[in-house]
Amino acid sequence: MTTEAGLEYRAVLPLAWQDGQPAPQQISEWMRENITALHAIAALEGASHERELDRTANVDHTTARLEAKMDLLLQWVGKLLLAQHPLPPATEVMLGSKTVSWKCPISLRPGQFGVLSLYLAPRLPMPLMFPVQIQTCAGGQAQAQLLHLSEEAQDGLDRTLFRYHRRALQARSGRV
């Protein structure tokens, strides 16, 4: 979906809120981890999209078997990680380039600082960690501004939002 604020991605995703303002070193570490997670999500999603295209083309079967084994390995590792660290509850989320909103069962104050852990690809249990400041919280809906995103993390988020937007348009037109 596109709004005047830019592209938005709406989905039901695992999300956790933590109150407080993190230290600058922690934010830097999260931005590096966010970049890694966004690259991994792009690679996983790109690989599955490419496999869909490959089904109609002649593909080297050795490569296809290797990719299937890698997928299985990633799935097993993901299940092991989830067994040790279960995902937080999923909720309706709208993620934009500069803001995020979600159904929030707790009361948050405008101006309040915190950190959102958002699992954009639950198949890959790596959260995106977003320092945020609450803009509004009413009627069980919170909206926050994303803070302190590094340039590379912002670029990765924007690319991800664009990719999801493009796929949504393709799905609507029946081209997926």
N, C-alpha and C. Protein backbone atom coordinates (compact mmCIF):
# COMPACT_ATOMS: atom_id res chain seq x y z
N MET A 1 0.84 -1.17 0.00
CA MET A 1 0.00 0.00 0.00
C MET A 1 0.88 1.23 0.00
N THR A 2 0.42 2.29 -0.65
CA THR A 2 1.16 3.54 -0.70
C THR A 2 0.32 4.63 -0.04
N THR A 3 0.97 5.42 0.80
CA THR A 3 0.32 6.58 1.40
C THR A 3 1.20 7.79 1.12
N GLU A 4 0.75 8.95 1.57
CA GLU A 4 1.57 10.15 1.38
C GLU A 4 2.91 10.03 2.09
N ALA A 5 3.01 9.16 3.10
CA ALA A 5 4.26 8.97 3.82
C ALA A 5 5.19 7.99 3.11
N GLY A 6 4.71 7.33 2.06
CA GLY A 6 5.53 6.37 1.33
C GLY A 6 4.90 5.00 1.35
N LEU A 7 5.70 4.01 1.02
CA LEU A 7 5.22 2.64 0.97
C LEU A 7 5.00 2.10 2.38
N GLU A 8 3.98 1.27 2.51
CA GLU A 8 3.69 0.62 3.79
C GLU A 8 3.47 -0.86 3.55
N TYR A 9 3.83 -1.64 4.53
CA TYR A 9 3.61 -3.08 4.50
C TYR A 9 2.69 -3.43 5.66
N ARG A 10 1.56 -4.04 5.33
CA ARG A 10 0.60 -4.47 6.36
C ARG A 10 0.60 -5.98 6.44
N ALA A 11 0.72 -6.48 7.67
CA ALA A 11 0.74 -7.93 7.87
C ALA A 11 0.49 -8.22 9.34
N VAL A 12 0.25 -9.48 9.63
CA VAL A 12 0.18 -9.96 11.01
C VAL A 12 1.53 -10.60 11.30
N LEU A 13 2.27 -9.98 12.21
CA LEU A 13 3.65 -10.39 12.46
C LEU A 13 3.94 -10.48 13.96
N PRO A 14 4.87 -11.35 14.35
CA PRO A 14 5.31 -11.37 15.74
C PRO A 14 5.99 -10.05 16.10
N LEU A 15 5.58 -9.48 17.23
CA LEU A 15 6.09 -8.18 17.63
C LEU A 15 6.14 -8.11 19.15
N ALA A 16 7.21 -7.51 19.66
CA ALA A 16 7.34 -7.31 21.12
C ALA A 16 7.76 -5.87 21.37
N TRP A 17 7.24 -5.29 22.46
CA TRP A 17 7.56 -3.94 22.90
C TRP A 17 8.42 -4.01 24.15
N GLN A 18 9.44 -3.17 24.20
CA GLN A 18 10.24 -3.03 25.41
C GLN A 18 10.39 -1.54 25.68
N ASP A 19 10.05 -1.14 26.89
CA ASP A 19 10.09 0.26 27.29
C ASP A 19 11.54 0.70 27.52
N GLY A 20 11.85 1.95 27.22
CA GLY A 20 13.15 2.51 27.55
C GLY A 20 13.94 2.98 26.35
N GLN A 21 14.98 3.75 26.63
CA GLN A 21 15.86 4.26 25.61
C GLN A 21 17.18 3.50 25.65
N PRO A 22 17.51 2.81 24.55
CA PRO A 22 18.76 2.03 24.55
C PRO A 22 19.99 2.93 24.41
N ALA A 23 21.12 2.39 24.81
CA ALA A 23 22.40 3.10 24.68
C ALA A 23 22.80 3.16 23.21
N PRO A 24 23.57 4.20 22.84
CA PRO A 24 24.00 4.34 21.44
C PRO A 24 24.75 3.11 20.91
N GLN A 25 25.58 2.46 21.75
CA GLN A 25 26.30 1.27 21.29
C GLN A 25 25.32 0.14 20.95
N GLN A 26 24.27 0.02 21.74
CA GLN A 26 23.26 -1.01 21.49
C GLN A 26 22.54 -0.73 20.19
N ILE A 27 22.22 0.51 19.93
CA ILE A 27 21.53 0.89 18.69
C ILE A 27 22.41 0.56 17.49
N SER A 28 23.71 0.87 17.58
CA SER A 28 24.63 0.56 16.48
C SER A 28 24.67 -0.94 16.20
N GLU A 29 24.70 -1.73 17.27
CA GLU A 29 24.71 -3.19 17.10
C GLU A 29 23.42 -3.66 16.45
N TRP A 30 22.28 -3.12 16.90
CA TRP A 30 20.99 -3.51 16.30
C TRP A 30 20.93 -3.14 14.83
N MET A 31 21.48 -1.98 14.46
CA MET A 31 21.43 -1.58 13.05
C MET A 31 22.25 -2.56 12.19
N ARG A 32 23.39 -2.99 12.70
CA ARG A 32 24.19 -3.99 11.96
C ARG A 32 23.39 -5.29 11.84
N GLU A 33 22.74 -5.70 12.93
CA GLU A 33 21.94 -6.93 12.90
C GLU A 33 20.72 -6.77 11.98
N ASN A 34 20.12 -5.58 11.97
CA ASN A 34 18.99 -5.33 11.07
C ASN A 34 19.42 -5.46 9.61
N ILE A 35 20.60 -4.93 9.29
CA ILE A 35 21.11 -5.03 7.92
C ILE A 35 21.30 -6.50 7.55
N THR A 36 21.89 -7.27 8.44
CA THR A 36 22.09 -8.70 8.19
C THR A 36 20.75 -9.39 7.99
N ALA A 37 19.78 -9.10 8.87
CA ALA A 37 18.46 -9.73 8.77
C ALA A 37 17.76 -9.34 7.47
N LEU A 38 17.81 -8.07 7.09
CA LEU A 38 17.16 -7.64 5.86
C LEU A 38 17.80 -8.27 4.63
N HIS A 39 19.12 -8.42 4.63
CA HIS A 39 19.80 -9.11 3.53
C HIS A 39 19.40 -10.58 3.49
N ALA A 40 19.32 -11.21 4.65
CA ALA A 40 18.92 -12.63 4.70
C ALA A 40 17.49 -12.81 4.22
N ILE A 41 16.60 -11.92 4.63
CA ILE A 41 15.21 -12.00 4.18
C ILE A 41 15.14 -11.84 2.67
N ALA A 42 15.87 -10.88 2.14
CA ALA A 42 15.88 -10.66 0.68
C ALA A 42 16.41 -11.89 -0.05
N ALA A 43 17.46 -12.50 0.50
CA ALA A 43 18.03 -13.69 -0.13
C ALA A 43 17.05 -14.85 -0.09
N LEU A 44 16.41 -15.07 1.06
CA LEU A 44 15.45 -16.17 1.17
C LEU A 44 14.25 -15.95 0.27
N GLU A 45 13.72 -14.75 0.28
CA GLU A 45 12.55 -14.46 -0.55
C GLU A 45 12.91 -14.45 -2.02
N GLY A 46 14.08 -13.94 -2.35
CA GLY A 46 14.52 -13.95 -3.74
C GLY A 46 14.72 -15.36 -4.24
N ALA A 47 15.29 -16.21 -3.39
CA ALA A 47 15.51 -17.60 -3.79
C ALA A 47 14.19 -18.32 -4.03
N SER A 48 13.20 -18.12 -3.17
CA SER A 48 11.92 -18.80 -3.36
C SER A 48 11.20 -18.26 -4.59
N HIS A 49 11.33 -16.94 -4.85
CA HIS A 49 10.72 -16.36 -6.04
C HIS A 49 11.41 -16.89 -7.29
N GLU A 50 12.74 -17.00 -7.24
CA GLU A 50 13.48 -17.54 -8.38
C GLU A 50 13.11 -18.99 -8.65
N ARG A 51 12.88 -19.78 -7.59
CA ARG A 51 12.48 -21.18 -7.79
C ARG A 51 11.14 -21.27 -8.49
N GLU A 52 10.23 -20.35 -8.16
CA GLU A 52 8.95 -20.33 -8.85
C GLU A 52 9.17 -20.10 -10.34
N LEU A 53 10.06 -19.16 -10.68
CA LEU A 53 10.36 -18.90 -12.08
C LEU A 53 11.08 -20.08 -12.72
N ASP A 54 11.95 -20.75 -11.96
CA ASP A 54 12.73 -21.87 -12.49
C ASP A 54 11.86 -23.07 -12.84
N ARG A 55 10.72 -23.19 -12.20
CA ARG A 55 9.85 -24.34 -12.49
C ARG A 55 9.38 -24.33 -13.92
N THR A 56 9.30 -23.15 -14.52
CA THR A 56 8.86 -23.05 -15.91
C THR A 56 10.03 -23.11 -16.88
N ALA A 57 11.25 -23.02 -16.37
CA ALA A 57 12.44 -23.05 -17.22
C ALA A 57 13.24 -24.32 -16.92
N ASN A 58 14.16 -24.62 -17.81
CA ASN A 58 15.05 -25.76 -17.58
C ASN A 58 16.14 -25.34 -16.60
N VAL A 59 16.17 -25.99 -15.44
CA VAL A 59 17.13 -25.66 -14.40
C VAL A 59 17.99 -26.88 -14.13
N ASP A 60 19.25 -26.62 -13.86
CA ASP A 60 20.17 -27.69 -13.51
C ASP A 60 19.63 -28.40 -12.26
N HIS A 61 19.38 -29.69 -12.35
CA HIS A 61 18.79 -30.43 -11.23
C HIS A 61 19.74 -30.54 -10.04
N THR A 62 21.04 -30.51 -10.28
CA THR A 62 22.00 -30.53 -9.18
C THR A 62 21.86 -29.26 -8.35
N THR A 63 21.73 -28.14 -9.01
CA THR A 63 21.55 -26.87 -8.31
C THR A 63 20.22 -26.86 -7.56
N ALA A 64 19.19 -27.37 -8.18
CA ALA A 64 17.87 -27.41 -7.53
C ALA A 64 17.91 -28.29 -6.28
N ARG A 65 18.60 -29.44 -6.35
CA ARG A 65 18.71 -30.31 -5.16
C ARG A 65 19.51 -29.63 -4.06
N LEU A 66 20.59 -28.95 -4.43
CA LEU A 66 21.40 -28.24 -3.44
C LEU A 66 20.58 -27.14 -2.76
N GLU A 67 19.81 -26.40 -3.53
CA GLU A 67 18.95 -25.36 -2.95
C GLU A 67 17.91 -25.97 -2.01
N ALA A 68 17.35 -27.11 -2.38
CA ALA A 68 16.36 -27.77 -1.52
C ALA A 68 17.00 -28.22 -0.21
N LYS A 69 18.23 -28.71 -0.27
CA LYS A 69 18.93 -29.11 0.95
C LYS A 69 19.24 -27.92 1.83
N MET A 70 19.63 -26.80 1.23
CA MET A 70 19.90 -25.58 2.00
C MET A 70 18.61 -25.08 2.66
N ASP A 71 17.50 -25.14 1.93
CA ASP A 71 16.21 -24.74 2.51
C ASP A 71 15.86 -25.60 3.71
N LEU A 72 16.08 -26.89 3.58
CA LEU A 72 15.79 -27.82 4.68
C LEU A 72 16.68 -27.50 5.88
N LEU A 73 17.95 -27.25 5.63
CA LEU A 73 18.88 -26.91 6.71
C LEU A 73 18.43 -25.62 7.42
N LEU A 74 18.07 -24.60 6.64
CA LEU A 74 17.60 -23.35 7.24
C LEU A 74 16.32 -23.56 8.05
N GLN A 75 15.45 -24.41 7.54
CA GLN A 75 14.21 -24.69 8.26
C GLN A 75 14.51 -25.38 9.59
N TRP A 76 15.42 -26.33 9.61
CA TRP A 76 15.79 -27.03 10.84
C TRP A 76 16.43 -26.07 11.84
N VAL A 77 17.37 -25.25 11.37
CA VAL A 77 18.02 -24.29 12.26
C VAL A 77 16.97 -23.33 12.83
N GLY A 78 16.06 -22.87 11.99
CA GLY A 78 14.99 -22.00 12.45
C GLY A 78 14.14 -22.65 13.53
N LYS A 79 13.81 -23.93 13.34
CA LYS A 79 13.02 -24.64 14.35
C LYS A 79 13.78 -24.80 15.65
N LEU A 80 15.08 -25.05 15.57
CA LEU A 80 15.88 -25.16 16.79
C LEU A 80 15.92 -23.82 17.54
N LEU A 81 16.10 -22.75 16.79
CA LEU A 81 16.11 -21.42 17.42
C LEU A 81 14.76 -21.09 18.05
N LEU A 82 13.69 -21.44 17.36
CA LEU A 82 12.36 -21.16 17.89
C LEU A 82 12.05 -21.98 19.14
N ALA A 83 12.61 -23.18 19.20
CA ALA A 83 12.39 -24.02 20.39
C ALA A 83 13.07 -23.38 21.61
N GLN A 84 14.20 -22.74 21.38
CA GLN A 84 14.92 -22.10 22.49
C GLN A 84 14.39 -20.71 22.81
N HIS A 85 13.93 -19.99 21.78
CA HIS A 85 13.44 -18.63 21.93
C HIS A 85 12.16 -18.46 21.12
N PRO A 86 11.01 -18.79 21.69
CA PRO A 86 9.75 -18.67 20.94
C PRO A 86 9.50 -17.23 20.50
N LEU A 87 8.80 -17.09 19.38
CA LEU A 87 8.45 -15.77 18.88
C LEU A 87 7.41 -15.12 19.78
N PRO A 88 7.41 -13.80 19.84
CA PRO A 88 6.35 -13.11 20.60
C PRO A 88 5.03 -13.25 19.86
N PRO A 89 3.93 -12.89 20.51
CA PRO A 89 2.63 -12.99 19.84
C PRO A 89 2.58 -12.13 18.57
N ALA A 90 1.84 -12.62 17.59
CA ALA A 90 1.67 -11.88 16.34
C ALA A 90 0.52 -10.90 16.49
N THR A 91 0.66 -9.77 15.82
CA THR A 91 -0.37 -8.75 15.84
C THR A 91 -0.40 -8.04 14.49
N GLU A 92 -1.46 -7.30 14.25
CA GLU A 92 -1.55 -6.52 13.01
C GLU A 92 -0.53 -5.38 13.07
N VAL A 93 0.27 -5.28 12.03
CA VAL A 93 1.34 -4.29 11.96
C VAL A 93 1.28 -3.56 10.62
N MET A 94 1.57 -2.27 10.65
CA MET A 94 1.76 -1.50 9.43
C MET A 94 3.15 -0.89 9.57
N LEU A 95 4.06 -1.32 8.71
CA LEU A 95 5.44 -0.84 8.75
C LEU A 95 5.69 0.07 7.57
N GLY A 96 6.12 1.28 7.86
CA GLY A 96 6.49 2.24 6.83
C GLY A 96 7.97 2.56 6.91
N SER A 97 8.41 3.43 6.06
CA SER A 97 9.81 3.80 6.01
C SER A 97 10.25 4.58 7.25
N LYS A 98 9.33 5.34 7.83
CA LYS A 98 9.67 6.19 8.98
C LYS A 98 8.81 5.91 10.20
N THR A 99 7.72 5.16 10.03
CA THR A 99 6.80 4.91 11.14
C THR A 99 6.36 3.45 11.17
N VAL A 100 5.82 3.07 12.30
CA VAL A 100 5.24 1.75 12.47
C VAL A 100 4.00 1.91 13.34
N SER A 101 2.96 1.17 13.02
CA SER A 101 1.79 1.15 13.90
C SER A 101 1.39 -0.30 14.11
N TRP A 102 0.76 -0.56 15.25
CA TRP A 102 0.39 -1.93 15.58
C TRP A 102 -0.74 -1.93 16.59
N LYS A 103 -1.46 -3.06 16.63
CA LYS A 103 -2.46 -3.24 17.67
C LYS A 103 -1.72 -3.47 18.97
N CYS A 104 -2.02 -2.64 19.94
CA CYS A 104 -1.25 -2.63 21.18
C CYS A 104 -2.17 -2.85 22.37
N PRO A 105 -2.01 -3.94 23.10
CA PRO A 105 -2.90 -4.22 24.23
C PRO A 105 -2.58 -3.41 25.49
N ILE A 106 -1.46 -2.69 25.48
CA ILE A 106 -1.10 -1.90 26.66
C ILE A 106 -1.19 -0.41 26.32
N SER A 107 -1.28 0.41 27.33
CA SER A 107 -1.36 1.85 27.13
C SER A 107 0.05 2.43 27.10
N LEU A 108 0.35 3.15 26.03
CA LEU A 108 1.64 3.83 25.89
C LEU A 108 1.39 5.33 25.79
N ARG A 109 2.32 6.12 26.27
CA ARG A 109 2.19 7.58 26.27
C ARG A 109 2.86 8.19 25.05
N PRO A 110 2.23 9.19 24.44
CA PRO A 110 2.93 9.93 23.38
C PRO A 110 4.24 10.49 23.94
N GLY A 111 5.30 10.36 23.15
CA GLY A 111 6.62 10.80 23.59
C GLY A 111 7.44 9.71 24.27
N GLN A 112 6.80 8.62 24.65
CA GLN A 112 7.49 7.51 25.32
C GLN A 112 8.46 6.83 24.35
N PHE A 113 9.64 6.48 24.85
CA PHE A 113 10.65 5.79 24.05
C PHE A 113 10.60 4.29 24.36
N GLY A 114 10.94 3.51 23.34
CA GLY A 114 11.00 2.07 23.53
C GLY A 114 11.66 1.41 22.33
N VAL A 115 11.63 0.09 22.34
CA VAL A 115 12.21 -0.70 21.27
C VAL A 115 11.19 -1.74 20.83
N LEU A 116 11.00 -1.81 19.51
CA LEU A 116 10.15 -2.85 18.95
C LEU A 116 11.03 -3.94 18.36
N SER A 117 10.69 -5.18 18.69
CA SER A 117 11.29 -6.34 18.05
C SER A 117 10.25 -6.86 17.08
N LEU A 118 10.54 -6.77 15.79
CA LEU A 118 9.58 -7.14 14.76
C LEU A 118 10.17 -8.26 13.90
N TYR A 119 9.45 -9.35 13.83
CA TYR A 119 9.89 -10.51 13.05
C TYR A 119 9.22 -10.43 11.69
N LEU A 120 9.92 -9.81 10.74
CA LEU A 120 9.38 -9.56 9.41
C LEU A 120 9.19 -10.84 8.62
N ALA A 121 10.05 -11.81 8.86
CA ALA A 121 9.94 -13.11 8.19
C ALA A 121 10.00 -14.18 9.27
N PRO A 122 8.86 -14.55 9.83
CA PRO A 122 8.87 -15.52 10.94
C PRO A 122 9.61 -16.83 10.61
N ARG A 123 9.73 -17.15 9.32
CA ARG A 123 10.49 -18.33 8.91
C ARG A 123 11.98 -18.17 9.28
N LEU A 124 12.43 -16.93 9.36
CA LEU A 124 13.79 -16.60 9.75
C LEU A 124 13.71 -15.88 11.09
N PRO A 125 13.93 -16.58 12.19
CA PRO A 125 13.69 -15.98 13.50
C PRO A 125 14.78 -14.98 13.92
N MET A 126 14.94 -13.94 13.10
CA MET A 126 15.86 -12.83 13.41
C MET A 126 15.01 -11.57 13.47
N PRO A 127 14.89 -10.96 14.64
CA PRO A 127 14.04 -9.77 14.72
C PRO A 127 14.74 -8.53 14.14
N LEU A 128 13.93 -7.65 13.60
CA LEU A 128 14.40 -6.30 13.32
C LEU A 128 14.17 -5.52 14.60
N MET A 129 15.19 -4.84 15.07
CA MET A 129 15.11 -4.09 16.32
C MET A 129 15.02 -2.60 15.95
N PHE A 130 13.89 -2.00 16.32
CA PHE A 130 13.66 -0.60 15.99
C PHE A 130 13.50 0.25 17.25
N PRO A 131 14.45 1.15 17.53
CA PRO A 131 14.20 2.15 18.56
C PRO A 131 13.08 3.06 18.04
N VAL A 132 12.10 3.35 18.89
CA VAL A 132 10.95 4.14 18.47
C VAL A 132 10.56 5.15 19.53
N GLN A 133 9.77 6.13 19.09
CA GLN A 133 9.13 7.07 20.00
C GLN A 133 7.64 7.07 19.67
N ILE A 134 6.83 6.84 20.68
CA ILE A 134 5.39 6.76 20.49
C ILE A 134 4.85 8.13 20.07
N GLN A 135 4.07 8.13 18.99
CA GLN A 135 3.40 9.35 18.53
C GLN A 135 1.98 9.39 19.09
N THR A 136 1.26 8.28 18.94
CA THR A 136 -0.11 8.19 19.46
C THR A 136 -0.36 6.78 19.95
N CYS A 137 -1.27 6.67 20.88
CA CYS A 137 -1.73 5.36 21.35
C CYS A 137 -3.15 5.54 21.86
N ALA A 138 -4.11 5.06 21.09
CA ALA A 138 -5.51 5.21 21.46
C ALA A 138 -6.30 4.08 20.82
N GLY A 139 -7.32 3.64 21.52
CA GLY A 139 -8.19 2.61 20.98
C GLY A 139 -7.48 1.31 20.64
N GLY A 140 -6.43 1.00 21.40
CA GLY A 140 -5.71 -0.25 21.17
C GLY A 140 -4.79 -0.21 19.96
N GLN A 141 -4.53 0.97 19.42
CA GLN A 141 -3.65 1.13 18.26
C GLN A 141 -2.54 2.10 18.61
N ALA A 142 -1.30 1.68 18.46
CA ALA A 142 -0.15 2.54 18.72
C ALA A 142 0.52 2.91 17.41
N GLN A 143 1.06 4.12 17.36
CA GLN A 143 1.85 4.54 16.21
C GLN A 143 3.12 5.16 16.74
N ALA A 144 4.24 4.80 16.12
CA ALA A 144 5.54 5.29 16.59
C ALA A 144 6.42 5.69 15.41
N GLN A 145 7.32 6.59 15.70
CA GLN A 145 8.32 7.01 14.73
C GLN A 145 9.56 6.14 14.92
N LEU A 146 10.11 5.64 13.80
CA LEU A 146 11.35 4.88 13.85
C LEU A 146 12.50 5.86 14.09
N LEU A 147 13.40 5.51 14.99
CA LEU A 147 14.51 6.39 15.35
C LEU A 147 15.85 5.73 15.09
N HIS A 148 16.84 6.54 14.80
CA HIS A 148 18.25 6.13 14.78
C HIS A 148 18.57 5.03 13.76
N LEU A 149 17.80 4.90 12.67
CA LEU A 149 18.16 3.92 11.66
C LEU A 149 19.41 4.40 10.93
N SER A 150 20.38 3.52 10.80
CA SER A 150 21.58 3.87 10.03
C SER A 150 21.16 4.02 8.56
N GLU A 151 22.00 4.67 7.79
CA GLU A 151 21.69 4.87 6.37
C GLU A 151 21.49 3.52 5.66
N GLU A 152 22.36 2.57 5.96
CA GLU A 152 22.26 1.26 5.31
C GLU A 152 21.03 0.49 5.78
N ALA A 153 20.68 0.60 7.06
CA ALA A 153 19.47 -0.06 7.57
C ALA A 153 18.23 0.58 6.95
N GLN A 154 18.22 1.91 6.83
CA GLN A 154 17.09 2.61 6.20
C GLN A 154 16.96 2.18 4.74
N ASP A 155 18.07 2.08 4.04
CA ASP A 155 18.05 1.65 2.63
C ASP A 155 17.51 0.22 2.53
N GLY A 156 17.96 -0.67 3.41
CA GLY A 156 17.48 -2.05 3.39
C GLY A 156 15.99 -2.13 3.69
N LEU A 157 15.52 -1.33 4.64
CA LEU A 157 14.09 -1.30 4.95
C LEU A 157 13.30 -0.78 3.76
N ASP A 158 13.76 0.30 3.15
CA ASP A 158 13.06 0.86 1.99
C ASP A 158 13.00 -0.14 0.84
N ARG A 159 14.08 -0.85 0.60
CA ARG A 159 14.10 -1.86 -0.47
C ARG A 159 13.12 -3.00 -0.16
N THR A 160 13.09 -3.39 1.10
CA THR A 160 12.17 -4.46 1.51
C THR A 160 10.72 -4.01 1.33
N LEU A 161 10.41 -2.80 1.76
CA LEU A 161 9.05 -2.29 1.59
C LEU A 161 8.68 -2.20 0.11
N PHE A 162 9.62 -1.77 -0.73
CA PHE A 162 9.36 -1.69 -2.15
C PHE A 162 9.11 -3.08 -2.73
N ARG A 163 9.92 -4.06 -2.33
CA ARG A 163 9.75 -5.43 -2.82
C ARG A 163 8.38 -5.98 -2.43
N TYR A 164 7.97 -5.76 -1.18
CA TYR A 164 6.66 -6.24 -0.73
C TYR A 164 5.53 -5.53 -1.47
N HIS A 165 5.70 -4.24 -1.73
CA HIS A 165 4.70 -3.48 -2.47
C HIS A 165 4.58 -4.03 -3.90
N ARG A 166 5.71 -4.26 -4.54
CA ARG A 166 5.72 -4.80 -5.90
C ARG A 166 5.04 -6.17 -5.95
N ARG A 167 5.33 -7.02 -4.97
CA ARG A 167 4.71 -8.35 -4.94
C ARG A 167 3.21 -8.26 -4.72
N ALA A 168 2.77 -7.32 -3.89
CA ALA A 168 1.34 -7.13 -3.65
C ALA A 168 0.65 -6.70 -4.94
N LEU A 169 1.28 -5.81 -5.70
CA LEU A 169 0.71 -5.38 -6.99
C LEU A 169 0.65 -6.56 -7.96
N GLN A 170 1.70 -7.37 -7.99
CA GLN A 170 1.72 -8.53 -8.88
C GLN A 170 0.64 -9.53 -8.48
N ALA A 171 0.45 -9.72 -7.19
CA ALA A 171 -0.57 -10.65 -6.72
C ALA A 171 -1.96 -10.17 -7.11
N ARG A 172 -2.20 -8.86 -7.01
CA ARG A 172 -3.50 -8.30 -7.40
C ARG A 172 -3.76 -8.46 -8.88
N SER A 173 -2.69 -8.36 -9.69
CA SER A 173 -2.88 -8.47 -11.13
C SER A 173 -2.79 -9.92 -11.60
N GLY A 174 -2.51 -10.84 -10.67
CA GLY A 174 -2.46 -12.26 -11.01
C GLY A 174 -1.19 -12.70 -11.70
N ARG A 175 -0.10 -11.96 -11.51
CA ARG A 175 1.15 -12.30 -12.18
C ARG A 175 2.15 -13.01 -11.29
N VAL A 176 1.73 -13.56 -10.17
CA VAL A 176 2.70 -14.25 -9.30
C VAL A 176 2.72 -15.70 -9.59
